[in-house]
């Protein structure tokens, strides 16, 4: 059997430069994947807090919608007063192993828009803290008697 002939300058393997370039490309790729993962988890957490604050504000709006306001009875019943809905602290996010609970405060404003026909503006603000900034989720609606 004949042995294969190799050229004198042919070398089997990689040079140090090739290894370093491939290592650099790998580091850049892995760093991009990790940063993308961190960005995605942070965005998901922020989105869940925004949605939770909106849901808590909507919960207060539903409480206000269930208040009795009847202008056709004698005496007139009007439970739709801001004093009946004081500011309340609500939980937006339950604590996990790495993060504490997140709380928000619901503030309610009720104002008369029109007396004939009777219409009131209801505004609920859910104010919560994200790091160093305060964020407000607001829901507004109009309400008429017995609606």
N, C-alpha and C. Protein backbone atom coordinates (compact mmCIF):
# COMPACT_ATOMS: atom_id res chain seq x y z
N UNK A 1 0.82 -1.18 0.00
CA UNK A 1 0.00 0.00 0.00
C UNK A 1 0.87 1.25 0.00
N UNK A 2 0.42 2.17 -0.78
CA UNK A 2 1.17 3.42 -0.84
C UNK A 2 0.67 4.37 0.22
N UNK A 3 1.57 5.06 0.82
CA UNK A 3 1.21 6.09 1.80
C UNK A 3 0.88 7.37 1.05
N UNK A 4 -0.17 8.15 1.53
CA UNK A 4 -0.50 9.40 0.84
C UNK A 4 0.63 10.40 0.99
N UNK A 5 0.80 11.16 -0.02
CA UNK A 5 1.84 12.19 0.01
C UNK A 5 1.22 13.50 0.49
N UNK A 6 1.88 14.13 1.40
CA UNK A 6 1.45 15.44 1.90
C UNK A 6 2.43 16.49 1.42
N UNK A 7 1.86 17.66 1.20
CA UNK A 7 2.74 18.75 0.82
C UNK A 7 3.50 19.20 2.05
N UNK A 8 4.60 19.82 1.82
CA UNK A 8 5.42 20.27 2.93
C UNK A 8 4.74 21.35 3.77
N UNK A 9 3.99 22.30 3.13
CA UNK A 9 3.39 23.42 3.84
C UNK A 9 2.00 23.10 4.40
N UNK A 10 1.48 21.93 4.20
CA UNK A 10 0.14 21.56 4.67
C UNK A 10 0.21 21.24 6.15
N UNK A 11 -0.68 21.86 6.91
CA UNK A 11 -0.69 21.62 8.35
C UNK A 11 -2.08 21.22 8.78
N UNK A 12 -2.19 20.26 9.63
CA UNK A 12 -3.49 19.83 10.14
C UNK A 12 -3.74 20.57 11.44
N UNK A 13 -4.92 21.27 11.55
CA UNK A 13 -5.26 21.98 12.78
C UNK A 13 -5.51 23.46 12.52
N UNK A 14 -5.76 24.18 13.60
CA UNK A 14 -6.08 25.60 13.51
C UNK A 14 -4.95 26.42 14.10
N UNK A 15 -4.78 27.60 13.59
CA UNK A 15 -3.77 28.49 14.15
C UNK A 15 -4.37 29.23 15.34
N UNK A 16 -3.53 29.84 16.09
CA UNK A 16 -3.97 30.57 17.28
C UNK A 16 -4.89 31.73 16.89
N UNK A 17 -4.62 32.38 15.79
CA UNK A 17 -5.44 33.50 15.33
C UNK A 17 -6.85 33.01 15.00
N UNK A 18 -6.96 31.89 14.32
CA UNK A 18 -8.28 31.34 13.98
C UNK A 18 -9.06 30.97 15.23
N UNK A 19 -8.42 30.41 16.20
CA UNK A 19 -9.07 30.05 17.47
C UNK A 19 -9.58 31.31 18.19
N UNK A 20 -8.76 32.33 18.23
CA UNK A 20 -9.16 33.57 18.91
C UNK A 20 -10.32 34.26 18.19
N UNK A 21 -10.31 34.27 16.87
CA UNK A 21 -11.41 34.88 16.11
C UNK A 21 -12.70 34.11 16.35
N UNK A 22 -12.66 32.79 16.31
CA UNK A 22 -13.89 32.01 16.54
C UNK A 22 -14.37 32.17 17.98
N UNK A 23 -13.45 32.26 18.92
CA UNK A 23 -13.82 32.49 20.32
C UNK A 23 -14.48 33.86 20.48
N UNK A 24 -13.95 34.87 19.82
CA UNK A 24 -14.54 36.22 19.88
C UNK A 24 -15.94 36.24 19.29
N UNK A 25 -16.14 35.57 18.17
CA UNK A 25 -17.47 35.50 17.55
C UNK A 25 -18.45 34.78 18.49
N UNK A 26 -18.00 33.71 19.13
CA UNK A 26 -18.85 32.98 20.07
C UNK A 26 -19.25 33.84 21.27
N UNK A 27 -18.30 34.60 21.79
CA UNK A 27 -18.59 35.48 22.94
C UNK A 27 -19.62 36.54 22.55
N UNK A 28 -19.48 37.13 21.37
CA UNK A 28 -20.44 38.14 20.92
C UNK A 28 -21.83 37.52 20.76
N UNK A 29 -21.91 36.32 20.20
CA UNK A 29 -23.20 35.66 19.99
C UNK A 29 -23.86 35.31 21.32
N UNK A 30 -23.11 34.73 22.26
CA UNK A 30 -23.68 34.36 23.56
C UNK A 30 -24.09 35.60 24.34
N UNK A 31 -23.31 36.66 24.28
CA UNK A 31 -23.67 37.91 24.95
C UNK A 31 -24.97 38.47 24.39
N UNK A 32 -25.13 38.43 23.08
CA UNK A 32 -26.37 38.89 22.45
C UNK A 32 -27.57 38.07 22.89
N UNK A 33 -27.41 36.77 22.98
CA UNK A 33 -28.51 35.90 23.42
C UNK A 33 -28.89 36.20 24.87
N UNK A 34 -27.91 36.33 25.74
CA UNK A 34 -28.19 36.62 27.16
C UNK A 34 -28.84 37.99 27.32
N UNK A 35 -28.33 38.99 26.62
CA UNK A 35 -28.92 40.34 26.73
C UNK A 35 -30.35 40.34 26.19
N UNK A 36 -30.60 39.62 25.11
CA UNK A 36 -31.95 39.51 24.57
C UNK A 36 -32.89 38.86 25.57
N UNK A 37 -32.43 37.83 26.24
CA UNK A 37 -33.24 37.16 27.26
C UNK A 37 -33.55 38.11 28.41
N UNK A 38 -32.54 38.83 28.89
CA UNK A 38 -32.76 39.77 30.00
C UNK A 38 -33.74 40.88 29.60
N UNK A 39 -33.61 41.39 28.38
CA UNK A 39 -34.53 42.42 27.90
C UNK A 39 -35.96 41.87 27.81
N UNK A 40 -36.12 40.66 27.32
CA UNK A 40 -37.45 40.06 27.18
C UNK A 40 -38.10 39.83 28.55
N UNK A 41 -37.35 39.35 29.52
CA UNK A 41 -37.95 39.12 30.84
C UNK A 41 -38.29 40.44 31.51
N UNK A 42 -37.46 41.46 31.36
CA UNK A 42 -37.77 42.78 31.93
C UNK A 42 -39.01 43.39 31.29
N UNK A 43 -39.13 43.26 29.98
CA UNK A 43 -40.31 43.78 29.27
C UNK A 43 -41.57 43.04 29.69
N UNK A 44 -41.48 41.75 29.87
CA UNK A 44 -42.64 40.96 30.32
C UNK A 44 -43.07 41.37 31.72
N UNK A 45 -42.12 41.63 32.59
CA UNK A 45 -42.46 42.06 33.95
C UNK A 45 -43.12 43.44 33.93
N UNK A 46 -42.56 44.38 33.16
CA UNK A 46 -43.17 45.71 33.07
C UNK A 46 -44.58 45.62 32.51
N UNK A 47 -44.76 44.84 31.48
CA UNK A 47 -46.09 44.70 30.87
C UNK A 47 -47.08 44.11 31.85
N UNK A 48 -46.66 43.14 32.62
CA UNK A 48 -47.58 42.54 33.59
C UNK A 48 -47.98 43.54 34.67
N UNK A 49 -47.06 44.42 35.06
CA UNK A 49 -47.41 45.44 36.05
C UNK A 49 -48.37 46.47 35.48
N UNK A 50 -48.15 46.89 34.23
CA UNK A 50 -49.08 47.83 33.59
C UNK A 50 -50.48 47.21 33.49
N UNK A 51 -50.55 45.95 33.09
CA UNK A 51 -51.84 45.28 32.96
C UNK A 51 -52.51 45.11 34.33
N UNK A 52 -51.73 44.78 35.34
CA UNK A 52 -52.29 44.60 36.68
C UNK A 52 -52.83 45.93 37.22
N UNK A 53 -52.12 47.03 36.97
CA UNK A 53 -52.59 48.34 37.43
C UNK A 53 -53.87 48.73 36.71
N UNK A 54 -53.94 48.46 35.41
CA UNK A 54 -55.17 48.74 34.66
C UNK A 54 -56.33 47.90 35.16
N UNK A 55 -56.08 46.64 35.49
CA UNK A 55 -57.13 45.77 36.01
C UNK A 55 -57.62 46.25 37.37
N UNK A 56 -56.70 46.71 38.22
CA UNK A 56 -57.10 47.22 39.54
C UNK A 56 -57.91 48.50 39.43
N UNK A 57 -57.55 49.37 38.48
CA UNK A 57 -58.34 50.59 38.26
C UNK A 57 -59.72 50.23 37.72
N UNK A 58 -59.78 49.28 36.82
CA UNK A 58 -61.06 48.84 36.28
C UNK A 58 -61.92 48.18 37.35
N UNK A 59 -61.29 47.50 38.27
CA UNK A 59 -62.02 46.91 39.40
C UNK A 59 -62.73 48.00 40.21
N UNK A 60 -62.04 49.12 40.44
CA UNK A 60 -62.65 50.24 41.18
C UNK A 60 -63.78 50.85 40.36
N UNK A 61 -63.63 50.97 39.05
CA UNK A 61 -64.70 51.49 38.20
C UNK A 61 -65.94 50.61 38.30
N UNK A 62 -65.75 49.31 38.35
CA UNK A 62 -66.89 48.39 38.49
C UNK A 62 -67.57 48.55 39.85
N UNK A 63 -66.81 48.82 40.89
CA UNK A 63 -67.40 49.11 42.20
C UNK A 63 -68.25 50.37 42.12
N UNK A 64 -67.76 51.37 41.43
CA UNK A 64 -68.49 52.63 41.30
C UNK A 64 -69.74 52.44 40.45
N UNK A 65 -69.64 51.63 39.42
CA UNK A 65 -70.81 51.37 38.58
C UNK A 65 -71.92 50.66 39.35
N UNK A 66 -71.55 49.90 40.38
CA UNK A 66 -72.55 49.19 41.17
C UNK A 66 -73.17 50.05 42.27
N UNK A 67 -72.67 51.27 42.45
CA UNK A 67 -73.24 52.17 43.46
C UNK A 67 -74.63 52.63 43.02
N UNK A 68 -75.51 52.76 43.98
CA UNK A 68 -76.90 53.14 43.67
C UNK A 68 -76.97 54.65 43.44
N UNK A 69 -77.60 55.03 42.31
CA UNK A 69 -77.86 56.43 41.99
C UNK A 69 -79.22 56.47 41.30
N UNK A 70 -80.23 56.82 42.07
CA UNK A 70 -81.61 56.79 41.58
C UNK A 70 -82.23 58.16 41.79
N UNK A 71 -82.46 58.88 40.69
CA UNK A 71 -83.04 60.23 40.78
C UNK A 71 -84.56 60.19 40.74
N UNK A 72 -85.15 59.03 40.42
CA UNK A 72 -86.61 58.95 40.32
C UNK A 72 -87.26 58.54 41.65
N UNK A 73 -86.50 58.17 42.64
CA UNK A 73 -87.08 57.79 43.94
C UNK A 73 -87.17 59.01 44.85
N UNK A 74 -87.96 58.86 45.91
CA UNK A 74 -88.04 59.92 46.91
C UNK A 74 -87.69 59.35 48.24
N UNK A 75 -86.71 59.85 48.93
CA UNK A 75 -85.74 60.87 48.52
C UNK A 75 -84.76 60.28 47.50
N UNK A 76 -84.13 61.16 46.78
CA UNK A 76 -83.17 60.75 45.76
C UNK A 76 -82.01 60.01 46.42
N UNK A 77 -81.64 58.88 45.82
CA UNK A 77 -80.52 58.10 46.34
C UNK A 77 -79.31 58.36 45.45
N UNK A 78 -78.23 58.83 46.10
CA UNK A 78 -77.01 59.12 45.35
C UNK A 78 -75.80 58.63 46.15
N UNK A 79 -75.43 57.39 45.92
CA UNK A 79 -74.24 56.84 46.57
C UNK A 79 -72.99 57.07 45.73
N UNK A 80 -73.16 57.75 44.63
CA UNK A 80 -72.05 58.00 43.71
C UNK A 80 -71.33 59.29 44.12
N UNK A 81 -70.68 59.22 45.26
CA UNK A 81 -69.91 60.34 45.82
C UNK A 81 -68.47 59.88 46.02
N UNK A 82 -67.53 60.76 45.77
CA UNK A 82 -66.11 60.40 45.91
C UNK A 82 -65.78 60.00 47.34
N UNK A 83 -66.51 60.55 48.32
CA UNK A 83 -66.25 60.20 49.72
C UNK A 83 -66.59 58.74 50.01
N UNK A 84 -67.44 58.12 49.20
CA UNK A 84 -67.76 56.70 49.38
C UNK A 84 -66.69 55.78 48.81
N UNK A 85 -65.74 56.35 48.10
CA UNK A 85 -64.67 55.57 47.47
C UNK A 85 -63.31 56.19 47.81
N UNK A 86 -62.86 56.02 49.06
CA UNK A 86 -61.58 56.63 49.46
C UNK A 86 -60.41 55.93 48.76
N UNK A 87 -59.26 56.58 48.83
CA UNK A 87 -58.04 56.00 48.24
C UNK A 87 -57.77 54.65 48.90
N UNK A 88 -57.38 53.69 48.09
CA UNK A 88 -57.11 52.35 48.62
C UNK A 88 -55.82 51.81 48.03
N UNK A 89 -55.08 51.10 48.86
CA UNK A 89 -53.83 50.47 48.43
C UNK A 89 -54.17 49.07 47.93
N UNK A 90 -53.68 48.75 46.73
CA UNK A 90 -53.95 47.46 46.11
C UNK A 90 -52.63 46.77 45.76
N UNK A 91 -52.65 45.46 45.71
CA UNK A 91 -51.46 44.69 45.34
C UNK A 91 -51.46 44.46 43.83
N UNK A 92 -50.38 44.83 43.19
CA UNK A 92 -50.24 44.62 41.75
C UNK A 92 -49.50 43.33 41.44
N UNK A 93 -48.53 43.00 42.27
CA UNK A 93 -47.68 41.84 42.00
C UNK A 93 -47.31 41.20 43.33
N UNK A 94 -47.54 39.89 43.43
CA UNK A 94 -47.15 39.18 44.64
C UNK A 94 -45.65 39.01 44.68
N UNK A 95 -45.09 38.96 45.90
CA UNK A 95 -43.63 38.84 45.98
C UNK A 95 -43.15 37.49 45.47
N UNK A 96 -41.97 37.50 44.88
CA UNK A 96 -41.31 36.27 44.44
C UNK A 96 -40.00 36.15 45.21
N UNK A 97 -39.24 35.14 44.88
CA UNK A 97 -37.98 34.93 45.60
C UNK A 97 -37.00 36.08 45.39
N UNK A 98 -37.05 36.70 44.20
CA UNK A 98 -36.06 37.74 43.89
C UNK A 98 -36.59 39.15 44.00
N UNK A 99 -37.91 39.34 44.03
CA UNK A 99 -38.46 40.69 43.98
C UNK A 99 -39.54 40.86 45.05
N UNK A 100 -39.64 42.05 45.63
CA UNK A 100 -40.70 42.30 46.61
C UNK A 100 -42.04 42.53 45.93
N UNK A 101 -43.09 42.57 46.72
CA UNK A 101 -44.43 42.85 46.19
C UNK A 101 -44.48 44.28 45.66
N UNK A 102 -45.34 44.51 44.67
CA UNK A 102 -45.53 45.84 44.10
C UNK A 102 -46.94 46.29 44.46
N UNK A 103 -47.05 47.48 45.03
CA UNK A 103 -48.34 48.01 45.45
C UNK A 103 -48.67 49.27 44.65
N UNK A 104 -49.96 49.51 44.49
CA UNK A 104 -50.44 50.71 43.84
C UNK A 104 -51.53 51.33 44.70
N UNK A 105 -51.88 52.57 44.43
CA UNK A 105 -52.94 53.25 45.16
C UNK A 105 -53.98 53.74 44.16
N UNK A 106 -55.23 53.38 44.41
CA UNK A 106 -56.34 53.83 43.57
C UNK A 106 -56.91 55.12 44.13
N UNK A 107 -56.96 56.14 43.30
CA UNK A 107 -57.57 57.42 43.65
C UNK A 107 -58.80 57.61 42.77
N UNK A 108 -59.91 58.03 43.37
CA UNK A 108 -61.17 58.16 42.65
C UNK A 108 -61.61 59.62 42.65
N UNK A 109 -62.02 60.11 41.47
CA UNK A 109 -62.60 61.44 41.33
C UNK A 109 -63.94 61.29 40.64
N UNK A 110 -64.97 61.91 41.23
CA UNK A 110 -66.30 61.89 40.63
C UNK A 110 -66.77 63.33 40.54
N UNK A 111 -67.14 63.77 39.35
CA UNK A 111 -67.59 65.15 39.18
C UNK A 111 -68.84 65.18 38.30
N UNK A 112 -69.68 66.17 38.59
CA UNK A 112 -70.94 66.33 37.84
C UNK A 112 -70.62 67.01 36.50
N UNK A 113 -71.03 66.38 35.40
CA UNK A 113 -70.85 66.97 34.08
C UNK A 113 -72.08 67.76 33.68
N UNK A 114 -73.23 67.16 33.93
CA UNK A 114 -74.48 67.78 33.51
C UNK A 114 -75.56 67.45 34.53
N UNK A 115 -76.48 68.42 34.76
CA UNK A 115 -77.59 68.14 35.68
C UNK A 115 -78.87 67.79 34.93
N UNK A 116 -78.95 68.17 33.65
CA UNK A 116 -80.13 67.80 32.86
C UNK A 116 -79.68 67.43 31.47
N UNK A 117 -79.55 66.19 31.14
CA UNK A 117 -79.73 64.98 31.93
C UNK A 117 -78.58 64.81 32.91
N UNK A 118 -78.83 64.12 34.03
CA UNK A 118 -77.78 63.96 35.03
C UNK A 118 -76.68 63.00 34.54
N UNK A 119 -75.48 63.52 34.49
CA UNK A 119 -74.32 62.73 34.06
C UNK A 119 -73.14 63.08 34.96
N UNK A 120 -72.43 62.05 35.40
CA UNK A 120 -71.23 62.26 36.21
C UNK A 120 -70.03 61.63 35.51
N UNK A 121 -68.90 62.29 35.66
CA UNK A 121 -67.63 61.77 35.14
C UNK A 121 -66.94 61.03 36.27
N UNK A 122 -66.53 59.80 36.00
CA UNK A 122 -65.82 58.98 36.98
C UNK A 122 -64.41 58.77 36.46
N UNK A 123 -63.43 59.08 37.30
CA UNK A 123 -62.02 58.90 36.92
C UNK A 123 -61.32 58.15 38.05
N UNK A 124 -60.64 57.09 37.67
CA UNK A 124 -59.87 56.29 38.64
C UNK A 124 -58.43 56.27 38.18
N UNK A 125 -57.53 56.67 39.07
CA UNK A 125 -56.09 56.65 38.81
C UNK A 125 -55.45 55.60 39.71
N UNK A 126 -54.72 54.68 39.10
CA UNK A 126 -53.93 53.71 39.87
C UNK A 126 -52.48 54.15 39.75
N UNK A 127 -51.93 54.63 40.85
CA UNK A 127 -50.56 55.16 40.87
C UNK A 127 -49.67 54.13 41.53
N UNK A 128 -48.57 53.79 40.86
CA UNK A 128 -47.65 52.80 41.40
C UNK A 128 -46.22 53.19 41.09
N UNK A 129 -45.31 52.61 41.81
CA UNK A 129 -43.90 52.98 41.73
C UNK A 129 -43.12 51.89 41.00
N UNK A 130 -42.39 52.30 39.98
CA UNK A 130 -41.50 51.39 39.27
C UNK A 130 -40.09 51.95 39.35
N UNK A 131 -39.34 51.42 40.26
CA UNK A 131 -37.98 51.93 40.45
C UNK A 131 -38.01 53.32 41.05
N UNK A 132 -37.58 54.30 40.27
CA UNK A 132 -37.54 55.67 40.78
C UNK A 132 -38.64 56.56 40.19
N UNK A 133 -39.52 55.99 39.37
CA UNK A 133 -40.56 56.82 38.76
C UNK A 133 -41.95 56.33 39.14
N UNK A 134 -42.86 57.30 39.27
CA UNK A 134 -44.26 56.98 39.53
C UNK A 134 -44.99 56.83 38.20
N UNK A 135 -45.80 55.80 38.10
CA UNK A 135 -46.55 55.53 36.88
C UNK A 135 -48.03 55.58 37.25
N UNK A 136 -48.85 56.16 36.37
CA UNK A 136 -50.28 56.28 36.61
C UNK A 136 -51.05 55.63 35.47
N UNK A 137 -51.91 54.70 35.82
CA UNK A 137 -52.86 54.12 34.87
C UNK A 137 -54.21 54.77 35.18
N UNK A 138 -54.87 55.34 34.17
CA UNK A 138 -56.12 56.07 34.36
C UNK A 138 -57.23 55.46 33.53
N UNK A 139 -58.41 55.35 34.16
CA UNK A 139 -59.62 54.93 33.45
C UNK A 139 -60.69 55.97 33.75
N UNK A 140 -61.34 56.46 32.69
CA UNK A 140 -62.43 57.43 32.82
C UNK A 140 -63.67 56.87 32.15
N UNK A 141 -64.81 57.19 32.73
CA UNK A 141 -66.08 56.81 32.13
C UNK A 141 -67.15 57.79 32.61
N UNK A 142 -68.26 57.81 31.91
CA UNK A 142 -69.39 58.63 32.32
C UNK A 142 -70.48 57.71 32.86
N UNK A 143 -71.27 58.26 33.78
CA UNK A 143 -72.33 57.46 34.38
C UNK A 143 -73.57 58.30 34.51
N UNK A 144 -74.72 57.68 34.25
CA UNK A 144 -76.02 58.30 34.47
C UNK A 144 -76.75 57.51 35.54
N UNK A 145 -77.84 58.02 36.08
CA UNK A 145 -78.54 57.28 37.14
C UNK A 145 -79.00 55.90 36.69
N UNK A 146 -78.95 54.95 37.61
CA UNK A 146 -79.38 53.57 37.37
C UNK A 146 -78.79 52.98 36.11
N UNK A 147 -77.51 53.10 35.97
CA UNK A 147 -76.85 52.54 34.81
C UNK A 147 -75.69 51.68 35.23
